[in-house]
Amino acid sequence: MMFAGSKHCPHCGAAASRGPEEDTTGVSCPDCEVPLVRVKLGETMLNECTRCFGIWLDTASFNRICVEREEQAAVLGKAVPQEIDVNKAWRYLPCPRCRQLMHRVNFAGQSGVIIDICKDDGVWFEREELRKIVEFIRAGGMTQARETQLERLEHERRRLENERNEAADAVSRADSQIWGASSHDGALDAIRITFDIGRLFKRW
């Protein structure tokens, strides 16, 4: 977001490249219910609310922004995730196109920027959210998010492997006690162990 008439972005210093506003888009702001206007920002065409300055982007345009900004991330240092404001009032908003309630998602799982997504039509950004996402991506946030996801997957793989090993050990112990049981008490112990193994497999 820039002040009208500004020649440079106050956040990154880039030259202003916003084109003139065009006709309304035929869809309305999901929050204010006023018609969105079509605005060209650089090479991207977006839809903007003139009251709350929210932005609606179709999925393809948003994906293109993410890819282009991520390519520049290596030169800008480390991402600093935003804190989520848990006290901020929020509600589920309808998609400007299909009118179905959108999903609220923490972008990249750890950016701290909560955006509203319609998987079929596009993404809604409240004021400043798109800028925060671009800054997060340019600072290497997507790389960090992927690394975090890989760490979680590896942790889950090790957990499942440990549970399988525990189950295999339990089966082995039960076999030895069942076949080695020569007394009534020994047989009862073996049966109890078998039930314990059954519960272990059920939990797993």
Protein backbone atom coordinates (compact mmCIF):
# COMPACT_ATOMS: atom_id res chain seq x y z
CA MET A 1 0.00 0.00 0.00
CA MET A 2 1.24 3.52 -0.90
CA PHE A 3 -0.07 7.01 -0.45
CA ALA A 4 -1.71 8.45 -3.54
CA GLY A 5 0.89 10.32 -5.57
CA SER A 6 3.88 8.50 -4.02
CA LYS A 7 6.65 7.73 -6.49
CA HIS A 8 8.34 5.02 -4.40
CA CYS A 9 7.22 2.23 -2.07
CA PRO A 10 7.76 3.32 1.58
CA HIS A 11 8.72 -0.27 2.53
CA CYS A 12 11.18 -1.40 -0.16
CA GLY A 13 11.93 1.79 -2.12
CA ALA A 14 10.80 0.35 -5.45
CA ALA A 15 9.43 2.76 -8.01
CA ALA A 16 5.65 2.99 -8.10
CA SER A 17 4.14 0.93 -10.89
CA ARG A 18 0.45 0.98 -10.06
CA GLY A 19 -1.76 1.54 -13.06
CA PRO A 20 -5.03 3.46 -13.16
CA GLU A 21 -8.17 1.99 -11.66
CA GLU A 22 -10.47 0.40 -14.19
CA ASP A 23 -14.14 -0.52 -14.11
CA THR A 24 -15.67 -2.48 -11.28
CA THR A 25 -15.15 -6.23 -11.42
CA GLY A 26 -18.70 -7.38 -10.87
CA VAL A 27 -17.83 -8.80 -7.45
CA SER A 28 -18.05 -7.15 -4.04
CA CYS A 29 -15.80 -6.89 -1.02
CA PRO A 30 -16.59 -9.83 1.30
CA ASP A 31 -16.33 -7.51 4.30
CA CYS A 32 -17.68 -4.11 3.17
CA GLU A 33 -20.00 -5.34 0.40
CA VAL A 34 -18.92 -2.48 -1.90
CA PRO A 35 -17.96 -3.28 -5.52
CA LEU A 36 -14.30 -4.13 -6.06
CA VAL A 37 -12.36 -2.17 -8.67
CA ARG A 38 -9.79 -3.66 -11.02
CA VAL A 39 -6.27 -2.25 -10.52
CA LYS A 40 -3.05 -3.07 -12.36
CA LEU A 41 -0.07 -3.36 -10.01
CA GLY A 42 3.09 -3.92 -12.02
CA GLU A 43 2.23 -6.85 -14.29
CA THR A 44 -0.46 -8.17 -11.95
CA MET A 45 -4.14 -7.37 -12.23
CA LEU A 46 -5.86 -7.36 -8.85
CA ASN A 47 -9.23 -6.41 -7.41
CA GLU A 48 -9.29 -3.84 -4.60
CA CYS A 49 -11.87 -2.52 -2.16
CA THR A 50 -11.83 1.28 -2.13
CA ARG A 51 -13.18 1.36 1.42
CA CYS A 52 -11.11 -1.14 3.46
CA PHE A 53 -8.31 -1.57 0.85
CA GLY A 54 -8.62 -5.34 0.95
CA ILE A 55 -7.35 -7.20 -2.12
CA TRP A 56 -8.82 -10.13 -4.04
CA LEU A 57 -6.46 -12.19 -6.23
CA ASP A 58 -7.27 -15.21 -8.33
CA THR A 59 -5.27 -18.32 -7.48
CA ALA A 60 -3.05 -18.22 -10.57
CA SER A 61 -1.99 -14.61 -9.95
CA PHE A 62 -1.19 -15.29 -6.29
CA ASN A 63 0.87 -18.37 -7.20
CA ARG A 64 2.81 -16.28 -9.73
CA ILE A 65 3.56 -13.61 -7.11
CA CYS A 66 4.79 -16.28 -4.68
CA VAL A 67 7.12 -17.86 -7.24
CA GLU A 68 8.56 -14.57 -8.47
CA ARG A 69 9.21 -13.26 -4.95
CA GLU A 70 10.65 -16.56 -3.74
CA GLU A 71 13.28 -16.41 -6.48
CA GLN A 72 14.55 -13.17 -4.88
CA ALA A 73 14.57 -14.54 -1.32
CA ALA A 74 18.23 -15.64 -1.23
CA VAL A 75 19.56 -12.07 -1.13
CA LEU A 76 17.36 -10.71 1.65
CA GLY A 77 18.33 -12.61 4.81
CA LYS A 78 16.17 -14.55 7.22
CA ALA A 79 12.39 -14.33 7.55
CA VAL A 80 10.88 -12.95 10.76
CA PRO A 81 7.41 -14.49 11.26
CA GLN A 82 4.65 -12.12 12.34
CA GLU A 83 2.91 -12.61 15.67
CA ILE A 84 -0.74 -13.63 15.33
CA ASP A 85 -3.05 -11.20 17.10
CA VAL A 86 -5.24 -13.58 19.10
CA ASN A 87 -7.37 -10.69 20.38
CA LYS A 88 -8.33 -9.45 16.93
CA ALA A 89 -11.99 -9.93 16.11
CA TRP A 90 -12.47 -12.04 12.99
CA ARG A 91 -15.16 -13.93 11.15
CA TYR A 92 -15.40 -16.26 8.20
CA LEU A 93 -15.92 -14.28 5.00
CA PRO A 94 -17.76 -15.37 1.85
CA CYS A 95 -15.83 -15.78 -1.38
CA PRO A 96 -16.48 -12.74 -3.62
CA ARG A 97 -17.26 -15.07 -6.53
CA CYS A 98 -19.00 -18.25 -5.32
CA ARG A 99 -20.21 -16.77 -1.99
CA GLN A 100 -19.18 -19.89 -0.06
CA LEU A 101 -17.40 -19.26 3.24
CA MET A 102 -13.64 -19.19 2.79
CA HIS A 103 -11.06 -21.05 4.88
CA ARG A 104 -8.78 -19.07 7.17
CA VAL A 105 -5.16 -20.19 6.81
CA ASN A 106 -1.85 -19.18 8.39
CA PHE A 107 0.17 -18.64 5.21
CA ALA A 108 2.98 -21.23 4.91
CA GLY A 109 1.94 -22.54 8.31
CA GLN A 110 4.23 -20.21 10.23
CA SER A 111 4.17 -16.72 8.69
CA GLY A 112 1.66 -15.36 11.19
CA VAL A 113 -0.37 -13.84 8.35
CA ILE A 114 -3.90 -15.25 8.31
CA ILE A 115 -5.49 -15.13 4.87
CA ASP A 116 -8.90 -16.19 3.56
CA ILE A 117 -8.83 -18.79 0.79
CA CYS A 118 -11.38 -20.19 -1.62
CA LYS A 119 -9.63 -23.16 -3.21
CA ASP A 120 -11.57 -22.78 -6.45
CA ASP A 121 -11.55 -19.01 -6.94
CA GLY A 122 -8.77 -17.14 -5.15
CA VAL A 123 -7.44 -15.45 -2.03
CA TRP A 124 -8.65 -12.47 0.00
CA PHE A 125 -6.13 -10.24 1.79
CA GLU A 126 -7.02 -7.66 4.36
CA ARG A 127 -5.10 -4.40 4.28
CA GLU A 128 -1.31 -4.90 4.39
CA GLU A 129 -1.54 -8.72 4.40
CA LEU A 130 -0.29 -9.14 0.83
CA ARG A 131 2.69 -6.87 1.55
CA LYS A 132 3.54 -8.89 4.68
CA ILE A 133 3.40 -12.13 2.71
CA VAL A 134 5.67 -10.76 -0.02
CA GLU A 135 8.16 -9.63 2.64
CA PHE A 136 7.97 -13.05 4.32
CA ILE A 137 8.67 -14.82 1.02
CA ARG A 138 11.48 -12.45 0.02
CA ALA A 139 13.17 -13.04 3.39
CA GLY A 140 13.31 -16.81 2.80
CA GLY A 141 10.16 -17.74 4.69
CA MET A 142 9.05 -20.42 2.23
CA THR A 143 12.38 -22.21 2.51
CA GLN A 144 12.10 -22.20 6.30
CA ALA A 145 8.52 -23.46 6.09
CA ARG A 146 9.58 -26.39 3.90
CA GLU A 147 12.44 -27.24 6.26
CA THR A 148 10.05 -27.18 9.22
CA GLN A 149 7.62 -29.46 7.39
CA LEU A 150 10.41 -31.92 6.53
CA GLU A 151 11.48 -31.98 10.18
CA ARG A 152 7.91 -32.76 11.26
CA LEU A 153 7.62 -35.55 8.70
CA GLU A 154 10.92 -37.05 9.82
CA HIS A 155 9.83 -36.88 13.48
CA GLU A 156 6.56 -38.65 12.60
CA ARG A 157 8.44 -41.31 10.61
CA ARG A 158 10.71 -42.04 13.57
CA ARG A 159 7.72 -42.22 15.93
CA LEU A 160 5.92 -44.75 13.71
CA GLU A 161 9.08 -46.78 13.30
CA ASN A 162 9.56 -46.92 17.09
CA GLU A 163 5.95 -48.06 17.57
CA ARG A 164 6.40 -50.81 14.96
CA ASN A 165 9.58 -51.99 16.68
CA GLU A 166 7.82 -52.02 20.07
CA ALA A 167 4.97 -54.04 18.59
CA ALA A 168 7.39 -56.52 17.00
CA ASP A 169 9.25 -56.94 20.32
CA ALA A 170 5.97 -57.51 22.14
CA VAL A 171 4.96 -60.20 19.63
CA SER A 172 8.32 -61.89 20.00
CA ARG A 173 8.07 -61.91 23.81
CA ALA A 174 4.52 -63.24 23.66
CA ASP A 175 5.53 -66.07 21.33
CA SER A 176 8.27 -67.19 23.64
CA GLN A 177 6.00 -67.09 26.71
CA ILE A 178 3.05 -68.78 24.97
CA TRP A 179 5.08 -71.68 23.62
CA GLY A 180 7.12 -71.88 26.78
CA ALA A 181 4.11 -71.90 29.14
CA SER A 182 4.03 -75.30 30.92
CA SER A 183 1.71 -74.46 33.80
CA HIS A 184 -1.82 -73.15 34.19
CA ASP A 185 -0.46 -69.86 35.59
CA GLY A 186 1.99 -69.60 32.71
CA ALA A 187 -0.80 -70.07 30.18
CA LEU A 188 -2.89 -67.33 31.84
CA ASP A 189 0.08 -65.00 31.76
CA ALA A 190 0.53 -65.70 28.06
CA ILE A 191 -3.15 -64.94 27.39
CA ARG A 192 -2.91 -61.65 29.25
CA ILE A 193 0.18 -60.72 27.22
CA THR A 194 -1.71 -61.55 24.01
CA PHE A 195 -4.53 -59.19 24.97
CA ASP A 196 -1.98 -56.50 25.78
CA ILE A 197 -0.50 -56.91 22.31
CA GLY A 198 -3.97 -56.60 20.80
CA ARG A 199 -4.53 -53.30 22.57
CA LEU A 200 -1.10 -52.07 21.41
CA PHE A 201 -1.92 -52.83 17.77
CA LYS A 202 -5.32 -51.20 18.09
CA ARG A 203 -3.70 -48.00 19.38
CA TRP A 204 -1.08 -48.12 16.64
